[in-house]
Amino acid sequence: MRHAIGLLVAGVLTACAAASVQAQEQPKYRGFWIAFGAGGGWETWQWDFGTVGRGHSVYLRMGGTVSQHVLFGGEVLGWFNDSGGQSERVNVTAAALVYPFASGPWFLKGGWGVAQAGPADRQGVGVTLGSGFDFRLGGNFYVTPNVDLLVQFLERETNASLLFTMGATWH
């Protein structure tokens, strides 16, 4: 229930912010940036046919501005199952955020790096794909709703988690 309420609040905030996109001036990205956020998500598949669960997600990413269309940096993105097996999925990746339209705050994100899954501390390759919006609240401060697919290729299994987060970004 707590997850549903959190996702509902995130959805309402996103819808309200989307209504103000037309009135927003073009984002001005420059120099160092940092972002963090939290939300919820679900394990969407697990090739070893384990229990599919839901849980909490968090992220921290930071980096530099390449251009008004490209940000590059690193990201730690995690999903933590709070039902049943107490497992977690964490990807630490090099990530690029691409803003395809100069007039809008929408971005696509992709990254790859290392993955770790617990509680058995399995390691492998992690891939993160996502999308989000930077809604300017003032100055260089943005509210950033995100959706991410966290994929992990581990020793004997492949799994993925679909994550919804609400974050804060400073450019």
N, C-alpha and C. Protein backbone atom coordinates (compact mmCIF):
# COMPACT_ATOMS: atom_id res chain seq x y z
N MET A 1 0.82 -1.20 0.00
CA MET A 1 0.00 0.00 0.00
C MET A 1 0.86 1.26 0.00
N ARG A 2 1.94 1.23 0.81
CA ARG A 2 2.82 2.37 0.90
C ARG A 2 3.46 2.67 -0.45
N HIS A 3 3.79 1.61 -1.21
CA HIS A 3 4.37 1.80 -2.55
C HIS A 3 3.37 2.45 -3.49
N ALA A 4 2.14 2.00 -3.43
CA ALA A 4 1.11 2.54 -4.31
C ALA A 4 0.88 4.02 -4.03
N ILE A 5 0.87 4.40 -2.77
CA ILE A 5 0.67 5.81 -2.42
C ILE A 5 1.85 6.64 -2.91
N GLY A 6 3.07 6.14 -2.71
CA GLY A 6 4.26 6.85 -3.17
C GLY A 6 4.26 7.04 -4.68
N LEU A 7 3.89 5.98 -5.42
CA LEU A 7 3.84 6.08 -6.87
C LEU A 7 2.72 7.01 -7.32
N LEU A 8 1.59 7.02 -6.60
CA LEU A 8 0.50 7.92 -6.94
C LEU A 8 0.93 9.37 -6.74
N VAL A 9 1.60 9.66 -5.62
CA VAL A 9 2.09 11.02 -5.37
C VAL A 9 3.09 11.43 -6.45
N ALA A 10 4.01 10.52 -6.81
CA ALA A 10 4.99 10.82 -7.86
C ALA A 10 4.29 11.09 -9.19
N GLY A 11 3.25 10.32 -9.49
CA GLY A 11 2.51 10.53 -10.73
C GLY A 11 1.79 11.87 -10.76
N VAL A 12 1.17 12.25 -9.65
CA VAL A 12 0.46 13.53 -9.58
C VAL A 12 1.45 14.68 -9.72
N LEU A 13 2.60 14.59 -9.03
CA LEU A 13 3.61 15.64 -9.15
C LEU A 13 4.14 15.75 -10.57
N THR A 14 4.34 14.60 -11.21
CA THR A 14 4.81 14.61 -12.60
C THR A 14 3.78 15.24 -13.52
N ALA A 15 2.50 14.91 -13.34
CA ALA A 15 1.45 15.48 -14.18
C ALA A 15 1.35 17.00 -13.98
N CYS A 16 1.46 17.46 -12.74
CA CYS A 16 1.41 18.90 -12.48
C CYS A 16 2.61 19.59 -13.10
N ALA A 17 3.77 18.99 -12.98
CA ALA A 17 4.96 19.59 -13.56
C ALA A 17 4.90 19.59 -15.08
N ALA A 18 4.34 18.54 -15.67
CA ALA A 18 4.23 18.47 -17.13
C ALA A 18 3.35 19.59 -17.68
N ALA A 19 2.35 19.99 -16.91
CA ALA A 19 1.47 21.07 -17.36
C ALA A 19 2.22 22.40 -17.46
N SER A 20 3.31 22.52 -16.70
CA SER A 20 4.04 23.79 -16.73
C SER A 20 5.22 23.76 -17.70
N VAL A 21 5.41 22.68 -18.44
CA VAL A 21 6.55 22.58 -19.35
C VAL A 21 6.51 23.67 -20.41
N GLN A 22 5.34 23.98 -20.91
CA GLN A 22 5.23 25.00 -21.96
C GLN A 22 5.73 26.36 -21.48
N ALA A 23 5.52 26.66 -20.20
CA ALA A 23 5.91 27.96 -19.67
C ALA A 23 7.37 28.02 -19.25
N GLN A 24 8.04 26.88 -19.22
CA GLN A 24 9.42 26.82 -18.77
C GLN A 24 10.37 27.35 -19.81
N GLU A 25 11.40 28.03 -19.37
CA GLU A 25 12.44 28.42 -20.30
C GLU A 25 13.36 27.23 -20.51
N GLN A 26 14.13 27.29 -21.56
CA GLN A 26 15.03 26.21 -21.92
C GLN A 26 16.00 25.91 -20.77
N PRO A 27 16.22 24.62 -20.45
CA PRO A 27 17.19 24.30 -19.40
C PRO A 27 18.58 24.83 -19.76
N LYS A 28 19.31 25.22 -18.75
CA LYS A 28 20.67 25.72 -18.95
C LYS A 28 21.61 24.85 -18.14
N TYR A 29 22.18 23.84 -18.79
CA TYR A 29 23.09 22.93 -18.14
C TYR A 29 24.50 23.44 -18.30
N ARG A 30 25.28 23.39 -17.21
CA ARG A 30 26.66 23.83 -17.30
C ARG A 30 27.46 23.20 -16.15
N GLY A 31 28.69 22.87 -16.47
CA GLY A 31 29.62 22.40 -15.46
C GLY A 31 29.21 21.12 -14.75
N PHE A 32 29.57 21.04 -13.48
CA PHE A 32 29.30 19.90 -12.63
C PHE A 32 27.81 19.81 -12.31
N TRP A 33 27.29 18.59 -12.24
CA TRP A 33 25.90 18.37 -11.82
C TRP A 33 25.87 17.17 -10.88
N ILE A 34 24.86 17.15 -10.02
CA ILE A 34 24.65 16.05 -9.08
C ILE A 34 23.16 15.84 -8.92
N ALA A 35 22.76 14.58 -8.77
CA ALA A 35 21.35 14.24 -8.62
C ALA A 35 21.20 13.06 -7.66
N PHE A 36 20.11 13.05 -6.93
CA PHE A 36 19.79 11.90 -6.09
C PHE A 36 18.28 11.78 -6.01
N GLY A 37 17.82 10.57 -5.73
CA GLY A 37 16.38 10.37 -5.65
C GLY A 37 16.04 9.03 -5.04
N ALA A 38 14.74 8.82 -4.84
CA ALA A 38 14.23 7.59 -4.24
C ALA A 38 12.85 7.31 -4.80
N GLY A 39 12.44 6.07 -4.69
CA GLY A 39 11.12 5.68 -5.18
C GLY A 39 10.85 4.22 -4.91
N GLY A 40 10.21 3.58 -5.86
CA GLY A 40 9.85 2.17 -5.72
C GLY A 40 10.03 1.45 -7.03
N GLY A 41 9.85 0.15 -6.98
CA GLY A 41 9.98 -0.61 -8.20
C GLY A 41 9.70 -2.08 -8.00
N TRP A 42 9.77 -2.79 -9.11
CA TRP A 42 9.48 -4.22 -9.12
C TRP A 42 10.57 -4.97 -9.86
N GLU A 43 10.85 -6.15 -9.36
CA GLU A 43 11.70 -7.06 -10.10
C GLU A 43 10.83 -7.60 -11.23
N THR A 44 11.22 -7.36 -12.48
CA THR A 44 10.35 -7.69 -13.60
C THR A 44 10.58 -9.08 -14.17
N TRP A 45 11.81 -9.58 -14.08
CA TRP A 45 12.03 -10.97 -14.46
C TRP A 45 13.30 -11.47 -13.80
N GLN A 46 13.34 -12.78 -13.68
CA GLN A 46 14.51 -13.42 -13.11
C GLN A 46 14.61 -14.78 -13.80
N TRP A 47 15.66 -15.00 -14.56
CA TRP A 47 15.77 -16.21 -15.36
C TRP A 47 15.94 -17.47 -14.54
N ASP A 48 16.28 -17.35 -13.26
CA ASP A 48 16.37 -18.56 -12.44
C ASP A 48 15.02 -18.86 -11.77
N PHE A 49 13.96 -18.16 -12.23
CA PHE A 49 12.58 -18.38 -11.79
C PHE A 49 12.40 -18.19 -10.29
N GLY A 50 13.13 -17.24 -9.74
CA GLY A 50 12.97 -16.91 -8.33
C GLY A 50 11.70 -16.09 -8.12
N THR A 51 11.48 -15.70 -6.90
CA THR A 51 10.30 -14.92 -6.54
C THR A 51 10.42 -13.50 -7.08
N VAL A 52 9.39 -13.06 -7.76
CA VAL A 52 9.34 -11.68 -8.23
C VAL A 52 8.79 -10.83 -7.09
N GLY A 53 9.47 -9.72 -6.80
CA GLY A 53 9.05 -8.91 -5.67
C GLY A 53 9.02 -7.43 -5.98
N ARG A 54 8.61 -6.68 -4.99
CA ARG A 54 8.62 -5.22 -5.11
C ARG A 54 9.48 -4.68 -3.98
N GLY A 55 9.90 -3.43 -4.14
CA GLY A 55 10.76 -2.85 -3.12
C GLY A 55 11.01 -1.38 -3.35
N HIS A 56 12.05 -0.88 -2.72
CA HIS A 56 12.41 0.53 -2.78
C HIS A 56 13.59 0.70 -3.73
N SER A 57 13.70 1.89 -4.31
CA SER A 57 14.84 2.18 -5.18
C SER A 57 15.43 3.53 -4.80
N VAL A 58 16.75 3.65 -5.00
CA VAL A 58 17.47 4.89 -4.74
C VAL A 58 18.52 5.07 -5.83
N TYR A 59 18.91 6.32 -6.05
CA TYR A 59 20.01 6.58 -6.98
C TYR A 59 20.80 7.79 -6.54
N LEU A 60 22.06 7.80 -6.97
CA LEU A 60 22.95 8.95 -6.85
C LEU A 60 23.73 8.99 -8.14
N ARG A 61 23.71 10.12 -8.83
CA ARG A 61 24.51 10.28 -10.04
C ARG A 61 25.11 11.67 -10.06
N MET A 62 26.29 11.75 -10.68
CA MET A 62 26.98 13.03 -10.79
C MET A 62 27.93 12.98 -11.97
N GLY A 63 28.26 14.17 -12.46
CA GLY A 63 29.17 14.22 -13.59
C GLY A 63 29.35 15.62 -14.11
N GLY A 64 29.66 15.70 -15.40
CA GLY A 64 29.91 16.98 -16.03
C GLY A 64 29.06 17.18 -17.27
N THR A 65 28.94 18.42 -17.67
CA THR A 65 28.15 18.79 -18.84
C THR A 65 29.04 18.80 -20.07
N VAL A 66 28.73 17.97 -21.05
CA VAL A 66 29.46 17.95 -22.31
C VAL A 66 28.92 19.03 -23.23
N SER A 67 27.58 19.12 -23.32
CA SER A 67 26.90 20.15 -24.11
C SER A 67 25.49 20.31 -23.54
N GLN A 68 24.69 21.18 -24.14
CA GLN A 68 23.30 21.33 -23.71
C GLN A 68 22.47 20.08 -24.01
N HIS A 69 23.02 19.18 -24.81
CA HIS A 69 22.31 17.95 -25.16
C HIS A 69 22.87 16.70 -24.49
N VAL A 70 24.06 16.77 -23.90
CA VAL A 70 24.70 15.57 -23.36
C VAL A 70 25.34 15.86 -22.00
N LEU A 71 24.98 15.04 -21.01
CA LEU A 71 25.63 15.04 -19.71
C LEU A 71 26.27 13.67 -19.54
N PHE A 72 27.45 13.63 -18.95
CA PHE A 72 28.14 12.36 -18.76
C PHE A 72 28.62 12.27 -17.32
N GLY A 73 28.51 11.07 -16.73
CA GLY A 73 28.97 10.91 -15.36
C GLY A 73 28.85 9.48 -14.90
N GLY A 74 28.75 9.33 -13.60
CA GLY A 74 28.60 8.01 -12.99
C GLY A 74 27.31 7.94 -12.20
N GLU A 75 26.81 6.71 -12.03
CA GLU A 75 25.55 6.52 -11.32
C GLU A 75 25.61 5.26 -10.48
N VAL A 76 25.04 5.34 -9.29
CA VAL A 76 24.78 4.18 -8.46
C VAL A 76 23.26 4.10 -8.36
N LEU A 77 22.70 2.99 -8.83
CA LEU A 77 21.24 2.79 -8.84
C LEU A 77 20.95 1.47 -8.18
N GLY A 78 20.07 1.48 -7.18
CA GLY A 78 19.79 0.26 -6.44
C GLY A 78 18.31 0.01 -6.23
N TRP A 79 17.99 -1.28 -6.13
CA TRP A 79 16.64 -1.74 -5.81
C TRP A 79 16.76 -2.67 -4.61
N PHE A 80 15.91 -2.49 -3.63
CA PHE A 80 15.98 -3.27 -2.40
C PHE A 80 14.62 -3.90 -2.13
N ASN A 81 14.59 -5.23 -2.14
CA ASN A 81 13.36 -5.99 -1.94
C ASN A 81 13.05 -6.04 -0.45
N ASP A 82 11.88 -5.57 -0.08
CA ASP A 82 11.49 -5.61 1.32
C ASP A 82 10.42 -6.66 1.59
N SER A 83 10.18 -7.54 0.63
CA SER A 83 9.19 -8.60 0.84
C SER A 83 9.86 -9.94 0.62
N GLY A 84 9.81 -10.78 1.60
CA GLY A 84 10.35 -12.12 1.44
C GLY A 84 11.84 -12.21 1.66
N GLY A 85 12.59 -12.39 0.56
CA GLY A 85 14.00 -12.74 0.62
C GLY A 85 14.98 -11.66 1.00
N GLN A 86 14.59 -10.44 1.23
CA GLN A 86 15.50 -9.35 1.59
C GLN A 86 16.68 -9.28 0.63
N SER A 87 16.42 -9.17 -0.65
CA SER A 87 17.50 -9.10 -1.64
C SER A 87 17.68 -7.67 -2.12
N GLU A 88 18.81 -7.45 -2.79
CA GLU A 88 19.06 -6.14 -3.37
C GLU A 88 19.76 -6.31 -4.71
N ARG A 89 19.60 -5.29 -5.53
CA ARG A 89 20.23 -5.22 -6.84
C ARG A 89 20.86 -3.84 -6.94
N VAL A 90 22.15 -3.77 -7.22
CA VAL A 90 22.83 -2.48 -7.33
C VAL A 90 23.69 -2.49 -8.59
N ASN A 91 23.55 -1.44 -9.40
CA ASN A 91 24.40 -1.21 -10.56
C ASN A 91 25.22 0.05 -10.33
N VAL A 92 26.50 -0.03 -10.60
CA VAL A 92 27.39 1.13 -10.59
C VAL A 92 27.87 1.30 -12.02
N THR A 93 27.43 2.37 -12.68
CA THR A 93 27.66 2.49 -14.12
C THR A 93 28.24 3.86 -14.49
N ALA A 94 28.89 3.87 -15.65
CA ALA A 94 29.19 5.12 -16.34
C ALA A 94 27.93 5.41 -17.14
N ALA A 95 27.39 6.61 -17.03
CA ALA A 95 26.09 6.91 -17.62
C ALA A 95 26.12 8.18 -18.46
N ALA A 96 25.34 8.17 -19.52
CA ALA A 96 25.16 9.36 -20.36
C ALA A 96 23.68 9.73 -20.36
N LEU A 97 23.40 11.01 -20.17
CA LEU A 97 22.04 11.53 -20.29
C LEU A 97 22.00 12.36 -21.56
N VAL A 98 21.07 12.03 -22.45
CA VAL A 98 20.97 12.71 -23.73
C VAL A 98 19.63 13.44 -23.79
N TYR A 99 19.68 14.74 -24.04
CA TYR A 99 18.49 15.58 -24.18
C TYR A 99 18.28 15.80 -25.68
N PRO A 100 17.37 15.03 -26.32
CA PRO A 100 17.24 15.10 -27.78
C PRO A 100 16.71 16.43 -28.30
N PHE A 101 15.91 17.14 -27.50
CA PHE A 101 15.28 18.38 -27.96
C PHE A 101 15.81 19.55 -27.14
N ALA A 102 16.34 20.54 -27.82
CA ALA A 102 16.90 21.71 -27.13
C ALA A 102 15.83 22.48 -26.38
N SER A 103 14.58 22.38 -26.79
CA SER A 103 13.52 23.16 -26.18
C SER A 103 12.79 22.43 -25.05
N GLY A 104 13.23 21.23 -24.69
CA GLY A 104 12.48 20.49 -23.68
C GLY A 104 13.36 19.84 -22.63
N PRO A 105 12.76 19.48 -21.49
CA PRO A 105 13.52 18.92 -20.38
C PRO A 105 13.63 17.39 -20.38
N TRP A 106 13.12 16.73 -21.42
CA TRP A 106 13.10 15.27 -21.46
C TRP A 106 14.47 14.71 -21.81
N PHE A 107 14.87 13.63 -21.12
CA PHE A 107 16.14 13.00 -21.44
C PHE A 107 16.01 11.49 -21.49
N LEU A 108 16.94 10.89 -22.22
CA LEU A 108 17.13 9.44 -22.25
C LEU A 108 18.45 9.16 -21.56
N LYS A 109 18.52 8.03 -20.86
CA LYS A 109 19.72 7.73 -20.10
C LYS A 109 20.14 6.29 -20.36
N GLY A 110 21.43 6.07 -20.46
CA GLY A 110 21.94 4.73 -20.60
C GLY A 110 23.30 4.62 -19.95
N GLY A 111 23.60 3.44 -19.43
CA GLY A 111 24.90 3.25 -18.82
C GLY A 111 25.19 1.77 -18.64
N TRP A 112 26.47 1.45 -18.50
CA TRP A 112 26.85 0.09 -18.20
C TRP A 112 28.04 0.10 -17.27
N GLY A 113 28.16 -0.98 -16.51
CA GLY A 113 29.25 -1.06 -15.53
C GLY A 113 29.16 -2.37 -14.79
N VAL A 114 29.29 -2.30 -13.48
CA VAL A 114 29.29 -3.51 -12.66
C VAL A 114 27.96 -3.64 -11.93
N ALA A 115 27.59 -4.90 -11.66
CA ALA A 115 26.35 -5.20 -10.96
C ALA A 115 26.65 -6.08 -9.77
N GLN A 116 25.85 -5.92 -8.74
CA GLN A 116 25.95 -6.80 -7.58
C GLN A 116 24.53 -7.12 -7.12
N ALA A 117 24.32 -8.38 -6.80
CA ALA A 117 23.01 -8.83 -6.33
C ALA A 117 23.20 -9.60 -5.03
N GLY A 118 22.33 -9.35 -4.08
CA GLY A 118 22.43 -10.02 -2.79
C GLY A 118 21.16 -10.79 -2.51
N PRO A 119 21.10 -11.56 -1.51
CA PRO A 119 22.04 -11.56 -0.38
C PRO A 119 23.31 -12.39 -0.60
N ALA A 120 23.45 -13.10 -1.70
CA ALA A 120 24.62 -13.97 -1.93
C ALA A 120 25.80 -13.22 -2.53
N ASP A 121 25.71 -11.91 -2.70
CA ASP A 121 26.78 -11.08 -3.26
C ASP A 121 27.31 -11.60 -4.59
N ARG A 122 26.41 -11.89 -5.49
CA ARG A 122 26.81 -12.28 -6.85
C ARG A 122 27.18 -11.02 -7.61
N GLN A 123 28.17 -11.12 -8.51
CA GLN A 123 28.62 -9.97 -9.27
C GLN A 123 28.58 -10.27 -10.76
N GLY A 124 28.49 -9.21 -11.56
CA GLY A 124 28.46 -9.36 -13.00
C GLY A 124 28.44 -8.01 -13.68
N VAL A 125 27.82 -7.98 -14.85
CA VAL A 125 27.72 -6.77 -15.65
C VAL A 125 26.34 -6.15 -15.45
N GLY A 126 26.30 -4.84 -15.27
CA GLY A 126 25.04 -4.13 -15.10
C GLY A 126 24.80 -3.15 -16.22
N VAL A 127 23.57 -3.09 -16.69
CA VAL A 127 23.14 -2.15 -17.71
C VAL A 127 21.93 -1.40 -17.16
N THR A 128 21.93 -0.09 -17.33
CA THR A 128 20.81 0.73 -16.89
C THR A 128 20.31 1.54 -18.08
N LEU A 129 19.00 1.46 -18.34
CA LEU A 129 18.35 2.26 -19.38
C LEU A 129 17.23 3.04 -18.71
N GLY A 130 17.05 4.31 -19.11
CA GLY A 130 16.02 5.08 -18.46
C GLY A 130 15.62 6.32 -19.22
N SER A 131 14.67 7.03 -18.62
CA SER A 131 14.17 8.27 -19.16
C SER A 131 13.66 9.12 -18.01
N GLY A 132 13.63 10.43 -18.23
CA GLY A 132 13.13 11.31 -17.18
C GLY A 132 12.94 12.73 -17.69
N PHE A 133 12.56 13.61 -16.78
CA PHE A 133 12.33 15.01 -17.07
C PHE A 133 13.03 15.85 -16.02
N ASP A 134 13.62 16.95 -16.43
CA ASP A 134 14.17 17.95 -15.51
C ASP A 134 13.21 19.12 -15.47
N PHE A 135 12.47 19.27 -14.38
CA PHE A 135 11.55 20.40 -14.23
C PHE A 135 12.20 21.44 -13.33
N ARG A 136 12.51 22.59 -13.92
CA ARG A 136 13.21 23.65 -13.19
C ARG A 136 12.30 24.27 -12.15
N LEU A 137 12.82 24.34 -10.92
CA LEU A 137 12.10 25.03 -9.86
C LEU A 137 12.65 26.42 -9.63
N GLY A 138 13.87 26.64 -10.05
CA GLY A 138 14.49 27.95 -9.88
C GLY A 138 15.99 27.82 -9.93
N GLY A 139 16.63 28.79 -10.53
CA GLY A 139 18.09 28.75 -10.64
C GLY A 139 18.55 27.48 -11.33
N ASN A 140 19.44 26.75 -10.68
CA ASN A 140 19.96 25.50 -11.22
C ASN A 140 19.39 24.28 -10.53
N PHE A 141 18.25 24.41 -9.85
CA PHE A 141 17.63 23.32 -9.11
C PHE A 141 16.45 22.76 -9.91
N TYR A 142 16.42 21.43 -10.05
CA TYR A 142 15.38 20.75 -10.83
C TYR A 142 14.77 19.61 -10.03
N VAL A 143 13.49 19.35 -10.23
CA VAL A 143 12.83 18.15 -9.76
C VAL A 143 12.85 17.18 -10.94
N THR A 144 13.25 15.93 -10.68
CA THR A 144 13.50 15.00 -11.77
C THR A 144 12.80 13.66 -11.54
N PRO A 145 11.63 13.44 -12.15
CA PRO A 145 11.03 12.10 -12.12
C PRO A 145 11.73 11.22 -13.16
N ASN A 146 11.96 9.96 -12.80
CA ASN A 146 12.69 9.02 -13.66
C ASN A 146 11.96 7.68 -13.72
N VAL A 147 12.16 6.99 -14.81
CA VAL A 147 11.82 5.57 -14.91
C VAL A 147 13.07 4.88 -15.44
N ASP A 148 13.45 3.78 -14.81
CA ASP A 148 14.69 3.07 -15.18
C ASP A 148 14.45 1.58 -15.25
N LEU A 149 15.18 0.94 -16.13
CA LEU A 149 15.25 -0.51 -16.20
C LEU A 149 16.67 -0.89 -15.80
N LEU A 150 16.80 -1.57 -14.67
CA LEU A 150 18.08 -2.00 -14.14
C LEU A 150 18.23 -3.48 -14.53
N VAL A 151 19.19 -3.79 -15.40
CA VAL A 151 19.39 -5.16 -15.88
C VAL A 151 20.73 -5.65 -15.38
N GLN A 152 20.75 -6.91 -14.94
CA GLN A 152 21.98 -7.50 -14.43
C GLN A 152 22.23 -8.85 -15.08
N PHE A 153 23.46 -9.01 -15.58
CA PHE A 153 23.91 -10.27 -16.16
C PHE A 153 24.91 -10.86 -15.17
N LEU A 154 24.43 -11.80 -14.37
CA LEU A 154 25.23 -12.38 -13.31
C LEU A 154 25.74 -13.75 -13.73
N GLU A 155 26.47 -14.42 -12.86
CA GLU A 155 27.10 -15.69 -13.20
C GLU A 155 26.13 -16.70 -13.83
N ARG A 156 25.04 -16.98 -13.16
CA ARG A 156 24.12 -18.00 -13.66
C ARG A 156 22.70 -17.49 -13.84
N GLU A 157 22.54 -16.20 -13.84
CA GLU A 157 21.19 -15.66 -13.99
C GLU A 157 21.24 -14.27 -14.60
N THR A 158 20.12 -13.88 -15.16
CA THR A 158 19.91 -12.52 -15.64
C THR A 158 18.61 -12.05 -15.01
N ASN A 159 18.62 -10.85 -14.47
CA ASN A 159 17.38 -10.32 -13.90
C ASN A 159 17.27 -8.84 -14.21
N ALA A 160 16.09 -8.32 -14.01
CA ALA A 160 15.83 -6.90 -14.27
C ALA A 160 14.82 -6.36 -13.28
N SER A 161 14.93 -5.07 -13.02
CA SER A 161 13.99 -4.39 -12.14
C SER A 161 13.53 -3.11 -12.83
N LEU A 162 12.24 -2.83 -12.75
CA LEU A 162 11.66 -1.61 -13.28
C LEU A 162 11.47 -0.65 -12.12
N LEU A 163 12.10 0.53 -12.21
CA LEU A 163 12.13 1.46 -11.09
C LEU A 163 11.51 2.81 -11.46
N PHE A 164 10.79 3.38 -10.51
CA PHE A 164 10.21 4.72 -10.64
C PHE A 164 10.73 5.55 -9.48
N THR A 165 11.40 6.67 -9.79
CA THR A 165 11.98 7.50 -8.74
C THR A 165 11.63 8.96 -8.96
N MET A 166 11.68 9.71 -7.88
CA MET A 166 11.55 11.16 -7.91
C MET A 166 12.82 11.70 -7.28
N GLY A 167 13.47 12.62 -7.99
CA GLY A 167 14.75 13.10 -7.50
C GLY A 167 14.92 14.59 -7.56
N ALA A 168 16.08 15.03 -7.12
CA ALA A 168 16.48 16.42 -7.17
C ALA A 168 17.81 16.50 -7.90
N THR A 169 17.94 17.50 -8.77
CA THR A 169 19.16 17.66 -9.57
C THR A 169 19.62 19.11 -9.48
N TRP A 170 20.94 19.27 -9.33
CA TRP A 170 21.55 20.60 -9.38
C TRP A 170 22.53 20.63 -10.54
N HIS A 171 22.38 21.62 -11.42
CA HIS A 171 23.28 21.80 -12.56
C HIS A 171 24.13 23.02 -12.33
